Amino acid sequence: MTAPLPGFAGHTYRFQVDNGAAFRNTYAADGTRLRWEGLGESAGQYEDVALHVAQVGPQVWFVSWTEQSGITVSHVMDLAALTVRVFWTYEGEGGRVGELHSGVLEQLS
């Protein structure tokens, strides 16, 4: 039996984070890849990444990836409420740093 496609598969969202960062996230039609593009201060930054995906509730998805820079990103996306809880980690001066944020989604396509 084949798992259902994630609700975000084949769609593009604008993701506005509570710290002011913004991204255009375009998900592959099969839900296995993401192309994120920075907006605003992050304009010009982008990457295509492989996703790890699990459905955790009706229209709620856990999505994570690792970027070439070593940054790890984990989202819990609520597509009914168009909200995201995000946890990302990166290498800081004193070791690995983790940040928890929230944000909102706007479906663009």
PDB file of N, CA and C in Angstrom:
ATOM      1  N   MET A   1       0.849  -1.180   0.000  1.00  0.00           N
ATOM      2  CA  MET A   1       0.000   0.000   0.000  1.00  0.00           C
ATOM      3  C   MET A   1       0.891   1.237   0.000  1.00  0.00           C
ATOM      4  N   THR A   2       0.599   2.177  -0.850  1.00  0.00           N
ATOM      5  CA  THR A   2       1.374   3.398  -0.975  1.00  0.00           C
ATOM      6  C   THR A   2       0.842   4.453  -0.008  1.00  0.00           C
ATOM      7  N   ALA A   3       1.762   5.165   0.656  1.00  0.00           N
ATOM      8  CA  ALA A   3       1.366   6.234   1.576  1.00  0.00           C
ATOM      9  C   ALA A   3       0.773   7.392   0.779  1.00  0.00           C
ATOM     10  N   PRO A   4      -0.203   8.081   1.355  1.00  0.00           N
ATOM     11  CA  PRO A   4      -0.781   9.230   0.638  1.00  0.00           C
ATOM     12  C   PRO A   4       0.257  10.342   0.505  1.00  0.00           C
ATOM     13  N   LEU A   5       0.113  11.135  -0.544  1.00  0.00           N
ATOM     14  CA  LEU A   5       1.013  12.275  -0.732  1.00  0.00           C
ATOM     15  C   LEU A   5       0.763  13.304   0.367  1.00  0.00           C
ATOM     16  N   PRO A   6       1.828  13.939   0.840  1.00  0.00           N
ATOM     17  CA  PRO A   6       1.636  15.015   1.818  1.00  0.00           C
ATOM     18  C   PRO A   6       0.788  16.135   1.223  1.00  0.00           C
ATOM     19  N   GLY A   7       0.010  16.805   2.051  1.00  0.00           N
ATOM     20  CA  GLY A   7      -0.871  17.870   1.593  1.00  0.00           C
ATOM     21  C   GLY A   7      -0.149  19.051   0.979  1.00  0.00           C
ATOM     22  N   PHE A   8       1.133  19.194   1.275  1.00  0.00           N
ATOM     23  CA  PHE A   8       1.910  20.307   0.724  1.00  0.00           C
ATOM     24  C   PHE A   8       2.554  19.963  -0.608  1.00  0.00           C
ATOM     25  N   ALA A   9       2.533  18.690  -1.006  1.00  0.00           N
ATOM     26  CA  ALA A   9       3.209  18.235  -2.229  1.00  0.00           C
ATOM     27  C   ALA A   9       2.704  18.999  -3.447  1.00  0.00           C
ATOM     28  N   GLY A  10       3.648  19.491  -4.258  1.00  0.00           N
ATOM     29  CA  GLY A  10       3.306  20.207  -5.478  1.00  0.00           C
ATOM     30  C   GLY A  10       2.893  21.656  -5.272  1.00  0.00           C
ATOM     31  N   HIS A  11       3.011  22.150  -4.060  1.00  0.00           N
ATOM     32  CA  HIS A  11       2.574  23.517  -3.759  1.00  0.00           C
ATOM     33  C   HIS A  11       3.761  24.404  -3.374  1.00  0.00           C
ATOM     34  N   THR A  12       3.532  25.703  -3.466  1.00  0.00           N
ATOM     35  CA  THR A  12       4.502  26.713  -3.045  1.00  0.00           C
ATOM     36  C   THR A  12       3.864  27.569  -1.970  1.00  0.00           C
ATOM     37  N   TYR A  13       4.634  27.835  -0.924  1.00  0.00           N
ATOM     38  CA  TYR A  13       4.167  28.646   0.199  1.00  0.00           C
ATOM     39  C   TYR A  13       5.162  29.760   0.488  1.00  0.00           C
ATOM     40  N   ARG A  14       4.654  30.872   0.938  1.00  0.00           N
ATOM     41  CA  ARG A  14       5.496  31.910   1.549  1.00  0.00           C
ATOM     42  C   ARG A  14       5.456  31.625   3.043  1.00  0.00           C
ATOM     43  N   PHE A  15       6.621  31.473   3.647  1.00  0.00           N
ATOM     44  CA  PHE A  15       6.729  31.164   5.066  1.00  0.00           C
ATOM     45  C   PHE A  15       7.329  32.365   5.778  1.00  0.00           C
ATOM     46  N   GLN A  16       6.552  33.006   6.636  1.00  0.00           N
ATOM     47  CA  GLN A  16       6.989  34.174   7.408  1.00  0.00           C
ATOM     48  C   GLN A  16       7.262  33.731   8.835  1.00  0.00           C
ATOM     49  N   VAL A  17       8.525  33.847   9.265  1.00  0.00           N
ATOM     50  CA  VAL A  17       8.952  33.390  10.583  1.00  0.00           C
ATOM     51  C   VAL A  17       8.825  34.536  11.586  1.00  0.00           C
ATOM     52  N   ASP A  18       8.614  34.200  12.858  1.00  0.00           N
ATOM     53  CA  ASP A  18       8.435  35.216  13.893  1.00  0.00           C
ATOM     54  C   ASP A  18       9.658  36.102  14.112  1.00  0.00           C
ATOM     55  N   ASN A  19      10.826  35.707  13.634  1.00  0.00           N
ATOM     56  CA  ASN A  19      12.036  36.530  13.796  1.00  0.00           C
ATOM     57  C   ASN A  19      12.258  37.482  12.618  1.00  0.00           C
ATOM     58  N   GLY A  20      11.307  37.533  11.684  1.00  0.00           N
ATOM     59  CA  GLY A  20      11.405  38.430  10.539  1.00  0.00           C
ATOM     60  C   GLY A  20      11.897  37.773   9.261  1.00  0.00           C
ATOM     61  N   ALA A  21      12.470  36.578   9.365  1.00  0.00           N
ATOM     62  CA  ALA A  21      12.926  35.858   8.168  1.00  0.00           C
ATOM     63  C   ALA A  21      11.712  35.423   7.349  1.00  0.00           C
ATOM     64  N   ALA A  22      11.909  35.333   6.032  1.00  0.00           N
ATOM     65  CA  ALA A  22      10.830  34.888   5.149  1.00  0.00           C
ATOM     66  C   ALA A  22      11.428  34.033   4.040  1.00  0.00           C
ATOM     67  N   PHE A  23      10.664  33.034   3.620  1.00  0.00           N
ATOM     68  CA  PHE A  23      11.126  32.090   2.609  1.00  0.00           C
ATOM     69  C   PHE A  23       9.998  31.759   1.653  1.00  0.00           C
ATOM     70  N   ARG A  24      10.368  31.403   0.422  1.00  0.00           N
ATOM     71  CA  ARG A  24       9.443  30.821  -0.550  1.00  0.00           C
ATOM     72  C   ARG A  24       9.826  29.341  -0.606  1.00  0.00           C
ATOM     73  N   ASN A  25       8.917  28.480  -0.155  1.00  0.00           N
ATOM     74  CA  ASN A  25       9.161  27.041  -0.125  1.00  0.00           C
ATOM     75  C   ASN A  25       8.335  26.362  -1.201  1.00  0.00           C
ATOM     76  N   THR A  26       9.023  25.724  -2.158  1.00  0.00           N
ATOM     77  CA  THR A  26       8.362  25.021  -3.248  1.00  0.00           C
ATOM     78  C   THR A  26       8.627  23.533  -3.086  1.00  0.00           C
ATOM     79  N   TYR A  27       7.559  22.769  -2.907  1.00  0.00           N
ATOM     80  CA  TYR A  27       7.655  21.331  -2.654  1.00  0.00           C
ATOM     81  C   TYR A  27       7.436  20.547  -3.940  1.00  0.00           C
ATOM     82  N   ALA A  28       8.244  19.519  -4.146  1.00  0.00           N
ATOM     83  CA  ALA A  28       8.111  18.650  -5.309  1.00  0.00           C
ATOM     84  C   ALA A  28       6.737  17.984  -5.317  1.00  0.00           C
ATOM     85  N   ALA A  29       6.292  17.608  -6.507  1.00  0.00           N
ATOM     86  CA  ALA A  29       4.971  17.002  -6.665  1.00  0.00           C
ATOM     87  C   ALA A  29       4.813  15.716  -5.857  1.00  0.00           C
ATOM     88  N   ASP A  30       5.918  15.002  -5.599  1.00  0.00           N
ATOM     89  CA  ASP A  30       5.838  13.772  -4.809  1.00  0.00           C
ATOM     90  C   ASP A  30       6.120  14.003  -3.328  1.00  0.00           C
ATOM     91  N   GLY A  31       6.397  15.255  -2.926  1.00  0.00           N
ATOM     92  CA  GLY A  31       6.603  15.590  -1.527  1.00  0.00           C
ATOM     93  C   GLY A  31       7.933  15.162  -0.936  1.00  0.00           C
ATOM     94  N   THR A  32       8.890  14.755  -1.775  1.00  0.00           N
ATOM     95  CA  THR A  32      10.168  14.252  -1.256  1.00  0.00           C
ATOM     96  C   THR A  32      11.293  15.284  -1.284  1.00  0.00           C
ATOM     97  N   ARG A  33      11.070  16.415  -1.940  1.00  0.00           N
ATOM     98  CA  ARG A  33      12.111  17.443  -2.066  1.00  0.00           C
ATOM     99  C   ARG A  33      11.509  18.828  -1.871  1.00  0.00           C
ATOM    100  N   LEU A  34      12.369  19.755  -1.478  1.00  0.00           N
ATOM    101  CA  LEU A  34      11.985  21.141  -1.257  1.00  0.00           C
ATOM    102  C   LEU A  34      13.035  22.046  -1.862  1.00  0.00           C
ATOM    103  N   ARG A  35      12.582  23.104  -2.521  1.00  0.00           N
ATOM    104  CA  ARG A  35      13.476  24.196  -2.907  1.00  0.00           C
ATOM    105  C   ARG A  35      13.044  25.382  -2.063  1.00  0.00           C
ATOM    106  N   TRP A  36      13.914  25.786  -1.134  1.00  0.00           N
ATOM    107  CA  TRP A  36      13.637  26.985  -0.347  1.00  0.00           C
ATOM    108  C   TRP A  36      14.439  28.135  -0.924  1.00  0.00           C
ATOM    109  N   GLU A  37      13.833  29.305  -0.904  1.00  0.00           N
ATOM    110  CA  GLU A  37      14.483  30.525  -1.375  1.00  0.00           C
ATOM    111  C   GLU A  37      14.269  31.601  -0.328  1.00  0.00           C
ATOM    112  N   GLY A  38      15.352  32.256   0.082  1.00  0.00           N
ATOM    113  CA  GLY A  38      15.247  33.340   1.040  1.00  0.00           C
ATOM    114  C   GLY A  38      14.612  34.567   0.418  1.00  0.00           C
ATOM    115  N   LEU A  39      13.830  35.283   1.205  1.00  0.00           N
ATOM    116  CA  LEU A  39      13.210  36.541   0.785  1.00  0.00           C
ATOM    117  C   LEU A  39      13.721  37.644   1.711  1.00  0.00           C
ATOM    118  N   GLY A  40      13.558  38.885   1.320  1.00  0.00           N
ATOM    119  CA  GLY A  40      13.993  39.995   2.169  1.00  0.00           C
ATOM    120  C   GLY A  40      15.496  39.974   2.373  1.00  0.00           C
ATOM    121  N   GLU A  41      15.940  40.007   3.633  1.00  0.00           N
ATOM    122  CA  GLU A  41      17.375  40.012   3.947  1.00  0.00           C
ATOM    123  C   GLU A  41      18.092  38.769   3.444  1.00  0.00           C
ATOM    124  N   SER A  42      17.377  37.684   3.261  1.00  0.00           N
ATOM    125  CA  SER A  42      17.974  36.422   2.802  1.00  0.00           C
ATOM    126  C   SER A  42      17.864  36.236   1.293  1.00  0.00           C
ATOM    127  N   ALA A  43      17.400  37.254   0.581  1.00  0.00           N
ATOM    128  CA  ALA A  43      17.212  37.140  -0.867  1.00  0.00           C
ATOM    129  C   ALA A  43      18.503  36.687  -1.534  1.00  0.00           C
ATOM    130  N   GLY A  44      18.369  35.797  -2.483  1.00  0.00           N
ATOM    131  CA  GLY A  44      19.516  35.263  -3.202  1.00  0.00           C
ATOM    132  C   GLY A  44      20.020  33.941  -2.638  1.00  0.00           C
ATOM    133  N   GLN A  45      19.598  33.594  -1.425  1.00  0.00           N
ATOM    134  CA  GLN A  45      19.968  32.303  -0.843  1.00  0.00           C
ATOM    135  C   GLN A  45      18.902  31.279  -1.213  1.00  0.00           C
ATOM    136  N   TYR A  46      19.335  30.089  -1.586  1.00  0.00           N
ATOM    137  CA  TYR A  46      18.386  29.029  -1.928  1.00  0.00           C
ATOM    138  C   TYR A  46      19.108  27.696  -1.867  1.00  0.00           C
ATOM    139  N   GLU A  47      18.316  26.646  -1.803  1.00  0.00           N
ATOM    140  CA  GLU A  47      18.875  25.296  -1.836  1.00  0.00           C
ATOM    141  C   GLU A  47      17.756  24.310  -2.151  1.00  0.00           C
ATOM    142  N   ASP A  48      18.116  23.246  -2.836  1.00  0.00           N
ATOM    143  CA  ASP A  48      17.220  22.120  -3.068  1.00  0.00           C
ATOM    144  C   ASP A  48      17.627  21.018  -2.098  1.00  0.00           C
ATOM    145  N   VAL A  49      16.681  20.532  -1.290  1.00  0.00           N
ATOM    146  CA  VAL A  49      17.003  19.566  -0.238  1.00  0.00           C
ATOM    147  C   VAL A  49      16.050  18.373  -0.292  1.00  0.00           C
ATOM    148  N   ALA A  50      16.570  17.234   0.164  1.00  0.00           N
ATOM    149  CA  ALA A  50      15.749  16.037   0.333  1.00  0.00           C
ATOM    150  C   ALA A  50      15.023  16.129   1.669  1.00  0.00           C
ATOM    151  N   LEU A  51      13.768  15.706   1.694  1.00  0.00           N
ATOM    152  CA  LEU A  51      12.934  15.814   2.887  1.00  0.00           C
ATOM    153  C   LEU A  51      12.732  14.470   3.568  1.00  0.00           C
ATOM    154  N   HIS A  52      12.577  14.534   4.877  1.00  0.00           N
ATOM    155  CA  HIS A  52      12.070  13.429   5.692  1.00  0.00           C
ATOM    156  C   HIS A  52      10.682  13.893   6.130  1.00  0.00           C
ATOM    157  N   VAL A  53       9.660  13.081   5.881  1.00  0.00           N
ATOM    158  CA  VAL A  53       8.275  13.515   6.077  1.00  0.00           C
ATOM    159  C   VAL A  53       7.493  12.455   6.841  1.00  0.00           C
ATOM    160  N   ALA A  54       6.664  12.910   7.791  1.00  0.00           N
ATOM    161  CA  ALA A  54       5.730  12.018   8.483  1.00  0.00           C
ATOM    162  C   ALA A  54       4.461  12.796   8.791  1.00  0.00           C
ATOM    163  N   GLN A  55       3.321  12.169   8.575  1.00  0.00           N
ATOM    164  CA  GLN A  55       2.056  12.798   8.954  1.00  0.00           C
ATOM    165  C   GLN A  55       1.845  12.541  10.436  1.00  0.00           C
ATOM    166  N   VAL A  56       1.538  13.601  11.202  1.00  0.00           N
ATOM    167  CA  VAL A  56       1.361  13.460  12.646  1.00  0.00           C
ATOM    168  C   VAL A  56      -0.067  13.763  13.093  1.00  0.00           C
ATOM    169  N   GLY A  57      -0.915  14.136  12.159  1.00  0.00           N
ATOM    170  CA  GLY A  57      -2.318  14.402  12.444  1.00  0.00           C
ATOM    171  C   GLY A  57      -3.006  14.803  11.159  1.00  0.00           C
ATOM    172  N   PRO A  58      -4.324  14.990  11.215  1.00  0.00           N
ATOM    173  CA  PRO A  58      -5.034  15.436  10.025  1.00  0.00           C
ATOM    174  C   PRO A  58      -4.483  16.792   9.562  1.00  0.00           C
ATOM    175  N   GLN A  59      -3.945  16.835   8.370  1.00  0.00           N
ATOM    176  CA  GLN A  59      -3.374  18.034   7.763  1.00  0.00           C
ATOM    177  C   GLN A  59      -2.180  18.593   8.555  1.00  0.00           C
ATOM    178  N   VAL A  60      -1.559  17.760   9.382  1.00  0.00           N
ATOM    179  CA  VAL A  60      -0.383  18.174  10.155  1.00  0.00           C
ATOM    180  C   VAL A  60       0.781  17.264   9.761  1.00  0.00           C
ATOM    181  N   TRP A  61       1.893  17.900   9.362  1.00  0.00           N
ATOM    182  CA  TRP A  61       3.039  17.169   8.835  1.00  0.00           C
ATOM    183  C   TRP A  61       4.325  17.572   9.547  1.00  0.00           C
ATOM    184  N   PHE A  62       5.137  16.572   9.887  1.00  0.00           N
ATOM    185  CA  PHE A  62       6.488  16.805  10.371  1.00  0.00           C
ATOM    186  C   PHE A  62       7.400  16.678   9.158  1.00  0.00           C
ATOM    187  N   VAL A  63       8.208  17.716   8.911  1.00  0.00           N
ATOM    188  CA  VAL A  63       9.095  17.768   7.745  1.00  0.00           C
ATOM    189  C   VAL A  63      10.462  18.217   8.236  1.00  0.00           C
ATOM    190  N   SER A  64      11.519  17.495   7.836  1.00  0.00           N
ATOM    191  CA  SER A  64      12.859  17.920   8.249  1.00  0.00           C
ATOM    192  C   SER A  64      13.852  17.703   7.117  1.00  0.00           C
ATOM    193  N   TRP A  65      14.986  18.454   7.221  1.00  0.00           N
ATOM    194  CA  TRP A  65      16.050  18.327   6.238  1.00  0.00           C
ATOM    195  C   TRP A  65      17.341  18.861   6.821  1.00  0.00           C
ATOM    196  N   THR A  66      18.437  18.539   6.154  1.00  0.00           N
ATOM    197  CA  THR A  66      19.756  19.057   6.501  1.00  0.00           C
ATOM    198  C   THR A  66      20.298  19.802   5.293  1.00  0.00           C
ATOM    199  N   GLU A  67      20.782  21.022   5.528  1.00  0.00           N
ATOM    200  CA  GLU A  67      21.310  21.840   4.448  1.00  0.00           C
ATOM    201  C   GLU A  67      22.809  21.609   4.284  1.00  0.00           C
ATOM    202  N   GLN A  68      23.351  21.967   3.140  1.00  0.00           N
ATOM    203  CA  GLN A  68      24.779  21.779   2.870  1.00  0.00           C
ATOM    204  C   GLN A  68      25.652  22.457   3.915  1.00  0.00           C
ATOM    205  N   SER A  69      25.172  23.561   4.484  1.00  0.00           N
ATOM    206  CA  SER A  69      25.925  24.297   5.497  1.00  0.00           C
ATOM    207  C   SER A  69      25.989  23.565   6.833  1.00  0.00           C
ATOM    208  N   GLY A  70      25.162  22.518   6.995  1.00  0.00           N
ATOM    209  CA  GLY A  70      25.080  21.800   8.264  1.00  0.00           C
ATOM    210  C   GLY A  70      23.892  22.213   9.107  1.00  0.00           C
ATOM    211  N   ILE A  71      23.183  23.251   8.692  1.00  0.00           N
ATOM    212  CA  ILE A  71      21.966  23.651   9.400  1.00  0.00           C
ATOM    213  C   ILE A  71      20.941  22.529   9.267  1.00  0.00           C
ATOM    214  N   THR A  72      20.291  22.176  10.382  1.00  0.00           N
ATOM    215  CA  THR A  72      19.181  21.226  10.336  1.00  0.00           C
ATOM    216  C   THR A  72      17.896  21.998  10.599  1.00  0.00           C
ATOM    217  N   VAL A  73      16.847  21.629   9.895  1.00  0.00           N
ATOM    218  CA  VAL A  73      15.560  22.318  10.002  1.00  0.00           C
ATOM    219  C   VAL A  73      14.475  21.271  10.182  1.00  0.00           C
ATOM    220  N   SER A  74      13.602  21.499  11.165  1.00  0.00           N
ATOM    221  CA  SER A  74      12.441  20.637  11.388  1.00  0.00           C
ATOM    222  C   SER A  74      11.206  21.512  11.506  1.00  0.00           C
ATOM    223  N   HIS A  75      10.185  21.178  10.726  1.00  0.00           N
ATOM    224  CA  HIS A  75       8.914  21.918  10.731  1.00  0.00           C
ATOM    225  C   HIS A  75       7.797  20.988  11.178  1.00  0.00           C
ATOM    226  N   VAL A  76       6.872  21.509  11.942  1.00  0.00           N
ATOM    227  CA  VAL A  76       5.561  20.886  12.106  1.00  0.00           C
ATOM    228  C   VAL A  76       4.599  21.854  11.435  1.00  0.00           C
ATOM    229  N   MET A  77       4.100  21.426  10.282  1.00  0.00           N
ATOM    230  CA  MET A  77       3.241  22.270   9.439  1.00  0.00           C
ATOM    231  C   MET A  77       1.779  21.882   9.641  1.00  0.00           C
ATOM    232  N   ASP A  78       0.963  22.833  10.053  1.00  0.00           N
ATOM    233  CA  ASP A  78      -0.479  22.629  10.178  1.00  0.00           C
ATOM    234  C   ASP A  78      -1.120  23.310   8.969  1.00  0.00           C
ATOM    235  N   LEU A  79      -1.475  22.518   7.978  1.00  0.00           N
ATOM    236  CA  LEU A  79      -2.001  23.078   6.736  1.00  0.00           C
ATOM    237  C   LEU A  79      -3.431  23.596   6.878  1.00  0.00           C
ATOM    238  N   ALA A  80      -4.157  23.146   7.897  1.00  0.00           N
ATOM    239  CA  ALA A  80      -5.506  23.671   8.123  1.00  0.00           C
ATOM    240  C   ALA A  80      -5.431  25.082   8.700  1.00  0.00           C
ATOM    241  N   ALA A  81      -4.503  25.299   9.633  1.00  0.00           N
ATOM    242  CA  ALA A  81      -4.350  26.613  10.277  1.00  0.00           C
ATOM    243  C   ALA A  81      -3.326  27.490   9.558  1.00  0.00           C
ATOM    244  N   LEU A  82      -2.562  26.898   8.623  1.00  0.00           N
ATOM    245  CA  LEU A  82      -1.488  27.590   7.907  1.00  0.00           C
ATOM    246  C   LEU A  82      -0.451  28.178   8.877  1.00  0.00           C
ATOM    247  N   THR A  83      -0.073  27.337   9.856  1.00  0.00           N
ATOM    248  CA  THR A  83       0.951  27.711  10.825  1.00  0.00           C
ATOM    249  C   THR A  83       2.072  26.680  10.823  1.00  0.00           C
ATOM    250  N   VAL A  84       3.222  27.113  11.321  1.00  0.00           N
ATOM    251  CA  VAL A  84       4.392  26.240  11.398  1.00  0.00           C
ATOM    252  C   VAL A  84       5.086  26.469  12.734  1.00  0.00           C
ATOM    253  N   ARG A  85       5.518  25.395  13.352  1.00  0.00           N
ATOM    254  CA  ARG A  85       6.476  25.450  14.459  1.00  0.00           C
ATOM    255  C   ARG A  85       7.768  24.919  13.861  1.00  0.00           C
ATOM    256  N   VAL A  86       8.846  25.645  14.036  1.00  0.00           N
ATOM    257  CA  VAL A  86      10.113  25.268  13.406  1.00  0.00           C
ATOM    258  C   VAL A  86      11.213  25.232  14.463  1.00  0.00           C
ATOM    259  N   PHE A  87      12.084  24.231  14.340  1.00  0.00           N
ATOM    260  CA  PHE A  87      13.282  24.127  15.170  1.00  0.00           C
ATOM    261  C   PHE A  87      14.448  23.960  14.222  1.00  0.00           C
ATOM    262  N   TRP A  88      15.438  24.869  14.341  1.00  0.00           N
ATOM    263  CA  TRP A  88      16.626  24.709  13.514  1.00  0.00           C
ATOM    264  C   TRP A  88      17.852  24.762  14.393  1.00  0.00           C
ATOM    265  N   THR A  89      18.900  24.073  13.934  1.00  0.00           N
ATOM    266  CA  THR A  89      20.163  24.048  14.660  1.00  0.00           C
ATOM    267  C   THR A  89      21.286  24.416  13.704  1.00  0.00           C
ATOM    268  N   TYR A  90      22.324  25.014  14.274  1.00  0.00           N
ATOM    269  CA  TYR A  90      23.495  25.396  13.487  1.00  0.00           C
ATOM    270  C   TYR A  90      24.693  25.446  14.415  1.00  0.00           C
ATOM    271  N   GLU A  91      25.865  25.440  13.832  1.00  0.00           N
ATOM    272  CA  GLU A  91      27.099  25.474  14.606  1.00  0.00           C
ATOM    273  C   GLU A  91      27.392  26.908  15.029  1.00  0.00           C
ATOM    274  N   GLY A  92      27.495  27.149  16.337  1.00  0.00           N
ATOM    275  CA  GLY A  92      27.827  28.460  16.874  1.00  0.00           C
ATOM    276  C   GLY A  92      29.226  28.442  17.480  1.00  0.00           C
ATOM    277  N   GLU A  93      29.646  29.563  18.028  1.00  0.00           N
ATOM    278  CA  GLU A  93      30.987  29.655  18.604  1.00  0.00           C
ATOM    279  C   GLU A  93      31.203  28.667  19.743  1.00  0.00           C
ATOM    280  N   GLY A  94      30.177  28.447  20.565  1.00  0.00           N
ATOM    281  CA  GLY A  94      30.308  27.547  21.705  1.00  0.00           C
ATOM    282  C   GLY A  94      29.785  26.150  21.449  1.00  0.00           C
ATOM    283  N   GLY A  95      29.495  25.816  20.200  1.00  0.00           N
ATOM    284  CA  GLY A  95      28.937  24.505  19.870  1.00  0.00           C
ATOM    285  C   GLY A  95      27.614  24.655  19.149  1.00  0.00           C
ATOM    286  N   ARG A  96      26.881  23.587  19.108  1.00  0.00           N
ATOM    287  CA  ARG A  96      25.613  23.550  18.378  1.00  0.00           C
ATOM    288  C   ARG A  96      24.581  24.432  19.080  1.00  0.00           C
ATOM    289  N   VAL A  97      23.862  25.240  18.298  1.00  0.00           N
ATOM    290  CA  VAL A  97      22.828  26.145  18.801  1.00  0.00           C
ATOM    291  C   VAL A  97      21.489  25.711  18.217  1.00  0.00           C
ATOM    292  N   GLY A  98      20.459  25.706  19.038  1.00  0.00           N
ATOM    293  CA  GLY A  98      19.111  25.396  18.571  1.00  0.00           C
ATOM    294  C   GLY A  98      18.182  26.562  18.810  1.00  0.00           C
ATOM    295  N   GLU A  99      17.275  26.800  17.871  1.00  0.00           N
ATOM    296  CA  GLU A  99      16.295  27.883  18.003  1.00  0.00           C
ATOM    297  C   GLU A  99      14.910  27.346  17.656  1.00  0.00           C
ATOM    298  N   LEU A 100      13.944  27.704  18.484  1.00  0.00           N
ATOM    299  CA  LEU A 100      12.553  27.348  18.249  1.00  0.00           C
ATOM    300  C   LEU A 100      11.801  28.596  17.819  1.00  0.00           C
ATOM    301  N   HIS A 101      11.067  28.503  16.713  1.00  0.00           N
ATOM    302  CA  HIS A 101      10.320  29.639  16.178  1.00  0.00           C
ATOM    303  C   HIS A 101       8.934  29.181  15.761  1.00  0.00           C
ATOM    304  N   SER A 102       8.086  30.158  15.473  1.00  0.00           N
ATOM    305  CA  SER A 102       6.784  29.876  14.892  1.00  0.00           C
ATOM    306  C   SER A 102       6.635  30.772  13.672  1.00  0.00           C
ATOM    307  N   GLY A 103       5.681  30.436  12.841  1.00  0.00           N
ATOM    308  CA  GLY A 103       5.477  31.235  11.639  1.00  0.00           C
ATOM    309  C   GLY A 103       4.144  30.924  11.008  1.00  0.00           C
ATOM    310  N   VAL A 104       3.871  31.654   9.937  1.00  0.00           N
ATOM    311  CA  VAL A 104       2.623  31.475   9.205  1.00  0.00           C
ATOM    312  C   VAL A 104       2.934  31.188   7.737  1.00  0.00           C
ATOM    313  N   LEU A 105       2.034  30.469   7.113  1.00  0.00           N
ATOM    314  CA  LEU A 105       2.147  30.114   5.699  1.00  0.00           C
ATOM    315  C   LEU A 105       1.101  30.850   4.883  1.00  0.00           C
ATOM    316  N   GLU A 106       1.488  31.200   3.681  1.00  0.00           N
ATOM    317  CA  GLU A 106       0.546  31.700   2.686  1.00  0.00           C
ATOM    318  C   GLU A 106       0.741  30.845   1.445  1.00  0.00           C
ATOM    319  N   GLN A 107      -0.290  30.109   1.058  1.00  0.00           N
ATOM    320  CA  GLN A 107      -0.160  29.251  -0.125  1.00  0.00           C
ATOM    321  C   GLN A 107      -0.180  30.108  -1.372  1.00  0.00           C
ATOM    322  N   LEU A 108       0.880  29.980  -2.193  1.00  0.00           N
ATOM    323  CA  LEU A 108       1.020  30.753  -3.416  1.00  0.00           C
ATOM    324  C   LEU A 108       0.572  29.980  -4.648  1.00  0.00           C
ATOM    325  N   SER A 109       0.706  28.673  -4.611  1.00  0.00           N
ATOM    326  CA  SER A 109       0.253  27.824  -5.731  1.00  0.00           C
ATOM    327  C   SER A 109      -0.047  26.431  -5.230  1.00  0.00           C
TER     328      SER A 109
END
